[in-house]
Amino acid sequence: MRVVPTILSLLPVTYAVNVVLSNDDGWAEINIRQFYKDLTNAGENVVISAPADNKSGTGSTDEPPAPRTTPCEFNSCPANSPAVGFNASMPRFNYVNSYPATSIRYGINNVSAKFFDGPPDIAVAGFNVGANLGATTLISGTVGAATEASKEGVPAIAFSGSSGSQIAWNVSPVPNYVKVYSELSTNVTETLIASGTPYLAMSTWLNVNFPTSNDSTCNSPSQFKFILSRINAATGATDVETCNNGGTLPTESSVVATPGCYASISVGDAATKGDVDADAQFVALMKLQDILSCLPSEDTAQKHYVA
């Protein structure tokens, strides 16, 4: 008997990717909750493991979690709560009474075992309230979380947005900038996932920064363009060639400052939080090429890598 395949049997099989999500603004801040919602709606298997309080600017500070004496941020857990805990109605939302680096490692080593039966496939941090550009990466807790994940062997992305303030998860209506940044962050994450494993070169991470978004400026995800950039100004290093750049990528600060809605994507070294070599940049360029563009000042005739 000849078996005729159905249309459904010919479609590619897709699987949810296991994602650990953290930040430095705290587990109950609205940005991380919206990002969780959008990643979950995209079909991914997501858990939150983030600080109990706002821990912005704490870099890679790391210490064992300790029991609470006061409520978590926005009264999201009561005083005298344990050192780690979760939302009773949403156990995928986990707090860690410590720093971002500690929190994401707890998510990788503990929370993931509960929900994924193993380590996550990818880690994402943010999106942060405020940009993390250039030397700011050295003190950013969002970057501290992403680089800690990379050191644990999990590919990681740090996301940061120029607009907004720290507000609770239950604010209604959800501010538009939150929706815009969350959709953009989900787009980058999903593009990287779709590129297949390995997602990034070993011991590297992505630093993604969004420009200002408000009612009159960059108020829709469709207005944004992503630019491959570097964290710090080049000092004799040769970058991957793209957009006829002559071997020097624009800094992420200059990208975000360019008139228009340009978001930067830099490839960082997990150990130094600085830039990587052209080979590691090339990996990211190939993985994200479908969403990358060139700045207006660049010749777009030659978008991709030149050997």
C-alpha atoms as a PDB file:
ATOM      1  CA  MET A   1       0.000   0.000   0.000  1.00  0.00           C
ATOM      2  CA  ARG A   2       1.323   3.413  -0.939  1.00  0.00           C
ATOM      3  CA  VAL A   3       1.212   5.924   1.900  1.00  0.00           C
ATOM      4  CA  VAL A   4       0.467   9.503   0.890  1.00  0.00           C
ATOM      5  CA  PRO A   5       1.755  12.050   3.407  1.00  0.00           C
ATOM      6  CA  THR A   6      -0.704  14.633   4.650  1.00  0.00           C
ATOM      7  CA  ILE A   7       0.056  18.349   4.548  1.00  0.00           C
ATOM      8  CA  LEU A   8       0.499  18.379   8.329  1.00  0.00           C
ATOM      9  CA  SER A   9       3.055  15.578   8.206  1.00  0.00           C
ATOM     10  CA  LEU A  10       5.150  17.591   5.750  1.00  0.00           C
ATOM     11  CA  LEU A  11       5.279  20.693   7.938  1.00  0.00           C
ATOM     12  CA  PRO A  12       8.454  21.207   9.977  1.00  0.00           C
ATOM     13  CA  VAL A  13       8.157  20.228  13.626  1.00  0.00           C
ATOM     14  CA  THR A  14       8.834  23.108  16.002  1.00  0.00           C
ATOM     15  CA  TYR A  15       9.621  22.788  19.680  1.00  0.00           C
ATOM     16  CA  ALA A  16       9.386  25.280  22.488  1.00  0.00           C
ATOM     17  CA  VAL A  17      12.778  26.520  23.570  1.00  0.00           C
ATOM     18  CA  ASN A  18      13.515  26.657  27.308  1.00  0.00           C
ATOM     19  CA  VAL A  19      14.229  30.239  28.381  1.00  0.00           C
ATOM     20  CA  VAL A  20      15.382  31.702  31.695  1.00  0.00           C
ATOM     21  CA  LEU A  21      14.413  35.363  32.025  1.00  0.00           C
ATOM     22  CA  SER A  22      15.988  37.754  34.533  1.00  0.00           C
ATOM     23  CA  ASN A  23      16.686  41.468  35.016  1.00  0.00           C
ATOM     24  CA  ASP A  24      18.085  43.963  37.514  1.00  0.00           C
ATOM     25  CA  ASP A  25      14.901  46.000  38.046  1.00  0.00           C
ATOM     26  CA  GLY A  26      13.222  43.243  40.036  1.00  0.00           C
ATOM     27  CA  TRP A  27      10.896  40.330  39.450  1.00  0.00           C
ATOM     28  CA  ALA A  28       7.716  42.417  39.831  1.00  0.00           C
ATOM     29  CA  GLU A  29       8.649  45.265  37.456  1.00  0.00           C
ATOM     30  CA  ILE A  30       6.346  45.566  34.455  1.00  0.00           C
ATOM     31  CA  ASN A  31       9.016  45.129  31.755  1.00  0.00           C
ATOM     32  CA  ILE A  32       9.991  41.596  32.723  1.00  0.00           C
ATOM     33  CA  ARG A  33       6.366  40.511  33.045  1.00  0.00           C
ATOM     34  CA  GLN A  34       5.472  41.858  29.587  1.00  0.00           C
ATOM     35  CA  PHE A  35       8.564  40.203  28.096  1.00  0.00           C
ATOM     36  CA  TYR A  36       7.546  36.914  29.732  1.00  0.00           C
ATOM     37  CA  LYS A  37       4.074  37.246  28.222  1.00  0.00           C
ATOM     38  CA  ASP A  38       5.360  37.927  24.705  1.00  0.00           C
ATOM     39  CA  LEU A  39       7.970  35.147  24.755  1.00  0.00           C
ATOM     40  CA  THR A  40       5.346  32.722  26.018  1.00  0.00           C
ATOM     41  CA  ASN A  41       2.897  33.831  23.336  1.00  0.00           C
ATOM     42  CA  ALA A  42       5.681  33.194  20.802  1.00  0.00           C
ATOM     43  CA  GLY A  43       5.616  29.562  21.904  1.00  0.00           C
ATOM     44  CA  GLU A  44       8.629  29.430  24.203  1.00  0.00           C
ATOM     45  CA  ASN A  45       8.871  27.706  27.588  1.00  0.00           C
ATOM     46  CA  VAL A  46       9.831  30.522  29.961  1.00  0.00           C
ATOM     47  CA  VAL A  47      10.605  30.950  33.656  1.00  0.00           C
ATOM     48  CA  ILE A  48      11.475  34.127  35.556  1.00  0.00           C
ATOM     49  CA  SER A  49      14.309  34.116  38.080  1.00  0.00           C
ATOM     50  CA  ALA A  50      15.039  37.699  39.087  1.00  0.00           C
ATOM     51  CA  PRO A  51      15.941  39.805  42.126  1.00  0.00           C
ATOM     52  CA  ALA A  52      13.288  40.458  44.751  1.00  0.00           C
ATOM     53  CA  ASP A  53      14.106  44.183  44.612  1.00  0.00           C
ATOM     54  CA  ASN A  54      15.542  46.713  42.203  1.00  0.00           C
ATOM     55  CA  LYS A  55      19.261  45.921  41.951  1.00  0.00           C
ATOM     56  CA  SER A  56      20.212  48.311  39.159  1.00  0.00           C
ATOM     57  CA  GLY A  57      23.866  49.230  38.858  1.00  0.00           C
ATOM     58  CA  THR A  58      25.154  46.212  40.781  1.00  0.00           C
ATOM     59  CA  GLY A  59      27.100  44.688  37.893  1.00  0.00           C
ATOM     60  CA  SER A  60      28.223  41.126  38.608  1.00  0.00           C
ATOM     61  CA  THR A  61      27.921  41.373  42.392  1.00  0.00           C
ATOM     62  CA  ASP A  62      27.104  37.936  43.759  1.00  0.00           C
ATOM     63  CA  GLU A  63      26.163  36.716  47.218  1.00  0.00           C
ATOM     64  CA  PRO A  64      24.025  33.930  48.696  1.00  0.00           C
ATOM     65  CA  PRO A  65      20.313  34.815  48.945  1.00  0.00           C
ATOM     66  CA  ALA A  66      19.142  35.774  52.440  1.00  0.00           C
ATOM     67  CA  PRO A  67      15.666  35.763  54.038  1.00  0.00           C
ATOM     68  CA  ARG A  68      13.617  38.938  53.663  1.00  0.00           C
ATOM     69  CA  THR A  69      12.940  41.329  56.525  1.00  0.00           C
ATOM     70  CA  THR A  70      10.814  43.727  54.449  1.00  0.00           C
ATOM     71  CA  PRO A  71       8.332  43.163  51.604  1.00  0.00           C
ATOM     72  CA  CYS A  72       9.625  42.587  48.069  1.00  0.00           C
ATOM     73  CA  GLU A  73       9.354  45.494  45.621  1.00  0.00           C
ATOM     74  CA  PHE A  74       5.811  46.728  45.002  1.00  0.00           C
ATOM     75  CA  ASN A  75       4.708  44.519  47.938  1.00  0.00           C
ATOM     76  CA  SER A  76       5.062  41.488  45.684  1.00  0.00           C
ATOM     77  CA  CYS A  77       6.047  39.306  48.639  1.00  0.00           C
ATOM     78  CA  PRO A  78       5.411  39.894  52.364  1.00  0.00           C
ATOM     79  CA  ALA A  79       7.984  40.782  54.985  1.00  0.00           C
ATOM     80  CA  ASN A  80       9.882  37.816  56.427  1.00  0.00           C
ATOM     81  CA  SER A  81       9.572  35.839  53.200  1.00  0.00           C
ATOM     82  CA  PRO A  82      12.230  33.187  52.512  1.00  0.00           C
ATOM     83  CA  ALA A  83      15.445  33.882  50.614  1.00  0.00           C
ATOM     84  CA  VAL A  84      13.950  32.490  47.404  1.00  0.00           C
ATOM     85  CA  GLY A  85      10.318  32.128  46.519  1.00  0.00           C
ATOM     86  CA  PHE A  86       7.682  32.183  43.826  1.00  0.00           C
ATOM     87  CA  ASN A  87       4.260  33.540  42.999  1.00  0.00           C
ATOM     88  CA  ALA A  88       1.717  31.086  44.397  1.00  0.00           C
ATOM     89  CA  SER A  89      -0.637  31.522  41.439  1.00  0.00           C
ATOM     90  CA  MET A  90       2.195  31.625  38.875  1.00  0.00           C
ATOM     91  CA  PRO A  91       5.070  29.397  40.067  1.00  0.00           C
ATOM     92  CA  ARG A  92       7.100  30.235  36.975  1.00  0.00           C
ATOM     93  CA  PHE A  93       7.646  33.701  38.509  1.00  0.00           C
ATOM     94  CA  ASN A  94      10.557  33.266  40.936  1.00  0.00           C
ATOM     95  CA  TYR A  95      12.317  35.836  43.097  1.00  0.00           C
ATOM     96  CA  VAL A  96      15.816  35.582  44.565  1.00  0.00           C
ATOM     97  CA  ASN A  97      16.726  37.895  47.430  1.00  0.00           C
ATOM     98  CA  SER A  98      20.129  38.737  46.005  1.00  0.00           C
ATOM     99  CA  TYR A  99      21.702  40.244  42.896  1.00  0.00           C
ATOM    100  CA  PRO A 100      21.017  39.742  39.154  1.00  0.00           C
ATOM    101  CA  ALA A 101      24.010  37.441  38.633  1.00  0.00           C
ATOM    102  CA  THR A 102      22.958  35.299  41.594  1.00  0.00           C
ATOM    103  CA  SER A 103      19.346  35.312  40.438  1.00  0.00           C
ATOM    104  CA  ILE A 104      19.988  34.105  36.906  1.00  0.00           C
ATOM    105  CA  ARG A 105      22.371  31.403  38.111  1.00  0.00           C
ATOM    106  CA  TYR A 106      19.658  30.204  40.500  1.00  0.00           C
ATOM    107  CA  GLY A 107      17.294  30.105  37.539  1.00  0.00           C
ATOM    108  CA  ILE A 108      19.767  28.120  35.449  1.00  0.00           C
ATOM    109  CA  ASN A 109      20.716  25.631  38.152  1.00  0.00           C
ATOM    110  CA  ASN A 110      17.544  25.342  40.236  1.00  0.00           C
ATOM    111  CA  VAL A 111      14.384  26.662  38.591  1.00  0.00           C
ATOM    112  CA  SER A 112      15.280  25.107  35.239  1.00  0.00           C
ATOM    113  CA  ALA A 113      15.641  21.692  36.841  1.00  0.00           C
ATOM    114  CA  LYS A 114      12.070  21.979  38.095  1.00  0.00           C
ATOM    115  CA  PHE A 115      10.434  23.130  34.876  1.00  0.00           C
ATOM    116  CA  PHE A 116      12.815  21.972  32.120  1.00  0.00           C
ATOM    117  CA  ASP A 117      14.391  18.836  33.641  1.00  0.00           C
ATOM    118  CA  GLY A 118      17.745  20.352  32.733  1.00  0.00           C
ATOM    119  CA  PRO A 119      19.495  23.619  31.873  1.00  0.00           C
ATOM    120  CA  PRO A 120      17.806  26.269  29.703  1.00  0.00           C
ATOM    121  CA  ASP A 121      18.532  26.641  26.003  1.00  0.00           C
ATOM    122  CA  ILE A 122      18.949  30.397  26.219  1.00  0.00           C
ATOM    123  CA  ALA A 123      18.920  33.181  28.826  1.00  0.00           C
ATOM    124  CA  VAL A 124      17.598  36.703  28.373  1.00  0.00           C
ATOM    125  CA  ALA A 125      17.929  39.668  30.735  1.00  0.00           C
ATOM    126  CA  GLY A 126      15.762  42.764  30.742  1.00  0.00           C
ATOM    127  CA  PHE A 127      14.560  44.678  29.158  1.00  0.00           C
ATOM    128  CA  ASN A 128      16.187  47.188  31.413  1.00  0.00           C
ATOM    129  CA  VAL A 129      14.775  50.559  32.419  1.00  0.00           C
ATOM    130  CA  GLY A 130      17.419  52.766  30.830  1.00  0.00           C
ATOM    131  CA  ALA A 131      20.085  52.139  28.226  1.00  0.00           C
ATOM    132  CA  ASN A 132      23.271  50.172  28.926  1.00  0.00           C
ATOM    133  CA  LEU A 133      25.797  51.556  26.462  1.00  0.00           C
ATOM    134  CA  GLY A 134      29.577  51.524  26.338  1.00  0.00           C
ATOM    135  CA  ALA A 135      31.316  51.554  29.723  1.00  0.00           C
ATOM    136  CA  THR A 136      27.934  51.327  31.466  1.00  0.00           C
ATOM    137  CA  THR A 137      28.025  47.599  30.700  1.00  0.00           C
ATOM    138  CA  LEU A 138      30.640  47.251  33.451  1.00  0.00           C
ATOM    139  CA  ILE A 139      28.182  48.243  36.186  1.00  0.00           C
ATOM    140  CA  SER A 140      24.879  47.125  34.666  1.00  0.00           C
ATOM    141  CA  GLY A 141      23.061  44.409  36.592  1.00  0.00           C
ATOM    142  CA  THR A 142      21.235  43.453  33.401  1.00  0.00           C
ATOM    143  CA  VAL A 143      24.581  42.843  31.709  1.00  0.00           C
ATOM    144  CA  GLY A 144      25.814  41.133  34.885  1.00  0.00           C
ATOM    145  CA  ALA A 145      22.961  38.631  34.578  1.00  0.00           C
ATOM    146  CA  ALA A 146      23.590  37.977  30.875  1.00  0.00           C
ATOM    147  CA  THR A 147      27.338  37.531  31.294  1.00  0.00           C
ATOM    148  CA  GLU A 148      26.808  35.204  34.259  1.00  0.00           C
ATOM    149  CA  ALA A 149      24.560  33.023  32.091  1.00  0.00           C
ATOM    150  CA  SER A 150      27.193  32.954  29.364  1.00  0.00           C
ATOM    151  CA  LYS A 151      29.815  31.894  31.908  1.00  0.00           C
ATOM    152  CA  GLU A 152      27.451  29.072  32.867  1.00  0.00           C
ATOM    153  CA  GLY A 153      27.484  27.941  29.246  1.00  0.00           C
ATOM    154  CA  VAL A 154      24.066  29.350  28.331  1.00  0.00           C
ATOM    155  CA  PRO A 155      23.857  31.757  25.351  1.00  0.00           C
ATOM    156  CA  ALA A 156      22.523  35.070  26.574  1.00  0.00           C
ATOM    157  CA  ILE A 157      21.116  38.431  25.507  1.00  0.00           C
ATOM    158  CA  ALA A 158      20.853  41.648  27.536  1.00  0.00           C
ATOM    159  CA  PHE A 159      18.116  44.071  26.470  1.00  0.00           C
ATOM    160  CA  SER A 160      17.824  47.732  27.529  1.00  0.00           C
ATOM    161  CA  GLY A 161      15.474  50.558  26.591  1.00  0.00           C
ATOM    162  CA  SER A 162      16.134  54.303  26.804  1.00  0.00           C
ATOM    163  CA  SER A 163      12.595  55.182  27.916  1.00  0.00           C
ATOM    164  CA  GLY A 164      10.519  54.460  30.977  1.00  0.00           C
ATOM    165  CA  SER A 165      10.703  54.233  34.743  1.00  0.00           C
ATOM    166  CA  GLN A 166      10.432  51.409  37.236  1.00  0.00           C
ATOM    167  CA  ILE A 167       6.747  50.605  37.692  1.00  0.00           C
ATOM    168  CA  ALA A 168       4.797  47.644  39.019  1.00  0.00           C
ATOM    169  CA  TRP A 169       3.665  44.676  36.974  1.00  0.00           C
ATOM    170  CA  ASN A 170      -0.035  45.499  37.456  1.00  0.00           C
ATOM    171  CA  VAL A 171      -0.101  49.062  36.089  1.00  0.00           C
ATOM    172  CA  SER A 172      -2.975  49.514  33.651  1.00  0.00           C
ATOM    173  CA  PRO A 173      -2.976  50.297  30.834  1.00  0.00           C
ATOM    174  CA  VAL A 174       0.452  48.949  29.944  1.00  0.00           C
ATOM    175  CA  PRO A 175       2.583  51.897  28.698  1.00  0.00           C
ATOM    176  CA  ASN A 176       3.205  51.829  24.966  1.00  0.00           C
ATOM    177  CA  TYR A 177       7.001  51.881  25.300  1.00  0.00           C
ATOM    178  CA  VAL A 178       6.759  48.653  27.315  1.00  0.00           C
ATOM    179  CA  LYS A 179       4.845  46.950  24.521  1.00  0.00           C
ATOM    180  CA  VAL A 180       7.235  48.283  21.862  1.00  0.00           C
ATOM    181  CA  TYR A 181      10.435  47.227  23.638  1.00  0.00           C
ATOM    182  CA  SER A 182       8.975  43.858  24.562  1.00  0.00           C
ATOM    183  CA  GLU A 183       7.974  43.079  20.986  1.00  0.00           C
ATOM    184  CA  LEU A 184      11.399  44.141  19.721  1.00  0.00           C
ATOM    185  CA  SER A 185      13.152  42.025  22.370  1.00  0.00           C
ATOM    186  CA  THR A 186      10.999  39.054  21.440  1.00  0.00           C
ATOM    187  CA  ASN A 187      11.821  39.586  17.757  1.00  0.00           C
ATOM    188  CA  VAL A 188      15.581  39.460  18.396  1.00  0.00           C
ATOM    189  CA  THR A 189      15.233  36.424  20.652  1.00  0.00           C
ATOM    190  CA  GLU A 190      13.053  34.553  18.193  1.00  0.00           C
ATOM    191  CA  THR A 191      15.377  35.397  15.290  1.00  0.00           C
ATOM    192  CA  LEU A 192      18.340  33.983  17.185  1.00  0.00           C
ATOM    193  CA  ILE A 193      16.386  30.871  18.149  1.00  0.00           C
ATOM    194  CA  ALA A 194      15.265  30.328  14.555  1.00  0.00           C
ATOM    195  CA  SER A 195      18.895  30.445  13.409  1.00  0.00           C
ATOM    196  CA  GLY A 196      19.542  27.144  15.180  1.00  0.00           C
ATOM    197  CA  THR A 197      22.137  26.011  17.667  1.00  0.00           C
ATOM    198  CA  PRO A 198      24.747  26.934  18.619  1.00  0.00           C
ATOM    199  CA  TYR A 199      23.132  30.333  18.962  1.00  0.00           C
ATOM    200  CA  LEU A 200      26.341  32.291  19.650  1.00  0.00           C
ATOM    201  CA  ALA A 201      30.075  31.780  19.820  1.00  0.00           C
ATOM    202  CA  MET A 202      31.215  30.379  23.160  1.00  0.00           C
ATOM    203  CA  SER A 203      31.571  32.832  26.059  1.00  0.00           C
ATOM    204  CA  THR A 204      29.860  35.644  24.172  1.00  0.00           C
ATOM    205  CA  TRP A 205      26.590  37.503  24.693  1.00  0.00           C
ATOM    206  CA  LEU A 206      24.535  40.132  22.898  1.00  0.00           C
ATOM    207  CA  ASN A 207      23.971  43.657  24.193  1.00  0.00           C
ATOM    208  CA  VAL A 208      20.830  45.149  22.644  1.00  0.00           C
ATOM    209  CA  ASN A 209      19.814  48.782  23.216  1.00  0.00           C
ATOM    210  CA  PHE A 210      16.694  50.588  22.059  1.00  0.00           C
ATOM    211  CA  PRO A 211      16.401  54.358  21.522  1.00  0.00           C
ATOM    212  CA  THR A 212      13.737  56.561  23.052  1.00  0.00           C
ATOM    213  CA  SER A 213      10.140  55.490  22.459  1.00  0.00           C
ATOM    214  CA  ASN A 214       7.240  57.781  23.295  1.00  0.00           C
ATOM    215  CA  ASP A 215       3.901  58.897  21.862  1.00  0.00           C
ATOM    216  CA  SER A 216       5.548  60.899  19.054  1.00  0.00           C
ATOM    217  CA  THR A 217       8.872  59.100  18.538  1.00  0.00           C
ATOM    218  CA  CYS A 218       9.497  55.469  17.630  1.00  0.00           C
ATOM    219  CA  ASN A 219       6.073  54.429  18.909  1.00  0.00           C
ATOM    220  CA  SER A 220       5.713  51.279  16.794  1.00  0.00           C
ATOM    221  CA  PRO A 221       8.036  48.252  16.484  1.00  0.00           C
ATOM    222  CA  SER A 222       7.760  48.488  12.702  1.00  0.00           C
ATOM    223  CA  GLN A 223       9.668  51.803  12.786  1.00  0.00           C
ATOM    224  CA  PHE A 224      12.816  50.263  14.270  1.00  0.00           C
ATOM    225  CA  LYS A 225      15.915  48.967  12.489  1.00  0.00           C
ATOM    226  CA  PHE A 226      18.647  46.863  14.065  1.00  0.00           C
ATOM    227  CA  ILE A 227      22.310  47.741  13.532  1.00  0.00           C
ATOM    228  CA  LEU A 228      25.288  45.517  14.307  1.00  0.00           C
ATOM    229  CA  SER A 229      27.559  47.583  16.544  1.00  0.00           C
ATOM    230  CA  ARG A 230      30.429  47.425  19.007  1.00  0.00           C
ATOM    231  CA  ILE A 231      30.321  48.253  22.722  1.00  0.00           C
ATOM    232  CA  ASN A 232      33.307  50.581  22.904  1.00  0.00           C
ATOM    233  CA  ALA A 233      35.136  52.704  20.354  1.00  0.00           C
ATOM    234  CA  ALA A 234      37.642  50.734  18.281  1.00  0.00           C
ATOM    235  CA  THR A 235      41.283  51.055  19.336  1.00  0.00           C
ATOM    236  CA  GLY A 236      43.119  49.337  16.533  1.00  0.00           C
ATOM    237  CA  ALA A 237      40.807  46.308  16.447  1.00  0.00           C
ATOM    238  CA  THR A 238      39.399  45.084  13.144  1.00  0.00           C
ATOM    239  CA  ASP A 239      35.689  44.304  13.176  1.00  0.00           C
ATOM    240  CA  VAL A 240      33.609  42.155  10.873  1.00  0.00           C
ATOM    241  CA  GLU A 241      32.970  43.918   7.565  1.00  0.00           C
ATOM    242  CA  THR A 242      29.373  44.816   6.851  1.00  0.00           C
ATOM    243  CA  CYS A 243      27.609  47.828   5.352  1.00  0.00           C
ATOM    244  CA  ASN A 244      30.941  48.840   3.734  1.00  0.00           C
ATOM    245  CA  ASN A 245      32.276  49.800   7.164  1.00  0.00           C
ATOM    246  CA  GLY A 246      35.931  49.254   6.276  1.00  0.00           C
ATOM    247  CA  GLY A 247      36.355  46.918   9.222  1.00  0.00           C
ATOM    248  CA  THR A 248      35.030  49.197  11.969  1.00  0.00           C
ATOM    249  CA  LEU A 249      31.535  48.817  13.380  1.00  0.00           C
ATOM    250  CA  PRO A 250      29.714  51.872  14.764  1.00  0.00           C
ATOM    251  CA  THR A 251      29.558  52.131  18.548  1.00  0.00           C
ATOM    252  CA  GLU A 252      26.245  51.252  20.123  1.00  0.00           C
ATOM    253  CA  SER A 253      26.067  54.763  21.590  1.00  0.00           C
ATOM    254  CA  SER A 254      26.334  56.316  18.126  1.00  0.00           C
ATOM    255  CA  VAL A 255      23.702  53.942  16.742  1.00  0.00           C
ATOM    256  CA  VAL A 256      21.118  54.784  19.397  1.00  0.00           C
ATOM    257  CA  ALA A 257      21.900  58.504  18.997  1.00  0.00           C
ATOM    258  CA  THR A 258      21.330  58.433  15.214  1.00  0.00           C
ATOM    259  CA  PRO A 259      18.109  60.254  14.233  1.00  0.00           C
ATOM    260  CA  GLY A 260      15.468  57.659  13.546  1.00  0.00           C
ATOM    261  CA  CYS A 261      14.623  54.467  15.357  1.00  0.00           C
ATOM    262  CA  TYR A 262      17.934  52.581  15.316  1.00  0.00           C
ATOM    263  CA  ALA A 263      18.583  49.848  17.859  1.00  0.00           C
ATOM    264  CA  SER A 264      22.091  48.542  18.457  1.00  0.00           C
ATOM    265  CA  ILE A 265      23.188  44.918  18.748  1.00  0.00           C
ATOM    266  CA  SER A 266      26.734  44.416  20.035  1.00  0.00           C
ATOM    267  CA  VAL A 267      28.578  41.165  20.664  1.00  0.00           C
ATOM    268  CA  GLY A 268      30.364  41.086  24.012  1.00  0.00           C
ATOM    269  CA  ASP A 269      32.941  38.971  25.820  1.00  0.00           C
ATOM    270  CA  ALA A 270      31.439  37.387  28.944  1.00  0.00           C
ATOM    271  CA  ALA A 271      34.657  37.734  30.926  1.00  0.00           C
ATOM    272  CA  THR A 272      35.506  41.361  30.139  1.00  0.00           C
ATOM    273  CA  LYS A 273      32.076  42.747  29.134  1.00  0.00           C
ATOM    274  CA  GLY A 274      33.948  44.387  26.252  1.00  0.00           C
ATOM    275  CA  ASP A 275      34.063  43.696  22.537  1.00  0.00           C
ATOM    276  CA  VAL A 276      34.951  40.430  20.800  1.00  0.00           C
ATOM    277  CA  ASP A 277      36.960  39.733  17.655  1.00  0.00           C
ATOM    278  CA  ALA A 278      35.645  39.764  14.098  1.00  0.00           C
ATOM    279  CA  ASP A 279      35.096  36.002  14.029  1.00  0.00           C
ATOM    280  CA  ALA A 280      32.666  36.097  16.946  1.00  0.00           C
ATOM    281  CA  GLN A 281      30.951  39.161  15.453  1.00  0.00           C
ATOM    282  CA  PHE A 282      30.614  37.257  12.190  1.00  0.00           C
ATOM    283  CA  VAL A 283      28.678  34.490  13.954  1.00  0.00           C
ATOM    284  CA  ALA A 284      26.132  37.025  15.218  1.00  0.00           C
ATOM    285  CA  LEU A 285      26.004  38.735  11.819  1.00  0.00           C
ATOM    286  CA  MET A 286      25.058  35.490  10.105  1.00  0.00           C
ATOM    287  CA  LYS A 287      22.562  34.530  12.813  1.00  0.00           C
ATOM    288  CA  LEU A 288      20.757  37.875  12.773  1.00  0.00           C
ATOM    289  CA  GLN A 289      21.228  38.930   9.161  1.00  0.00           C
ATOM    290  CA  ASP A 290      17.496  38.769   8.409  1.00  0.00           C
ATOM    291  CA  ILE A 291      16.775  41.659  10.785  1.00  0.00           C
ATOM    292  CA  LEU A 292      19.982  43.705  10.457  1.00  0.00           C
ATOM    293  CA  SER A 293      20.141  46.969   8.521  1.00  0.00           C
ATOM    294  CA  CYS A 294      22.702  49.704   7.827  1.00  0.00           C
ATOM    295  CA  LEU A 295      22.841  53.249   9.153  1.00  0.00           C
ATOM    296  CA  PRO A 296      21.804  55.977   6.690  1.00  0.00           C
ATOM    297  CA  SER A 297      25.425  57.125   6.333  1.00  0.00           C
ATOM    298  CA  GLU A 298      26.582  53.671   5.261  1.00  0.00           C
ATOM    299  CA  ASP A 299      26.608  52.259   1.752  1.00  0.00           C
ATOM    300  CA  THR A 300      23.985  49.512   1.850  1.00  0.00           C
ATOM    301  CA  ALA A 301      25.180  47.898  -1.358  1.00  0.00           C
ATOM    302  CA  GLN A 302      27.435  45.636   0.642  1.00  0.00           C
ATOM    303  CA  LYS A 303      25.482  44.548   3.711  1.00  0.00           C
ATOM    304  CA  HIS A 304      27.197  41.370   4.736  1.00  0.00           C
ATOM    305  CA  TYR A 305      30.639  40.074   5.547  1.00  0.00           C
ATOM    306  CA  VAL A 306      33.545  40.416   3.149  1.00  0.00           C
ATOM    307  CA  ALA A 307      36.330  37.843   3.516  1.00  0.00           C
END
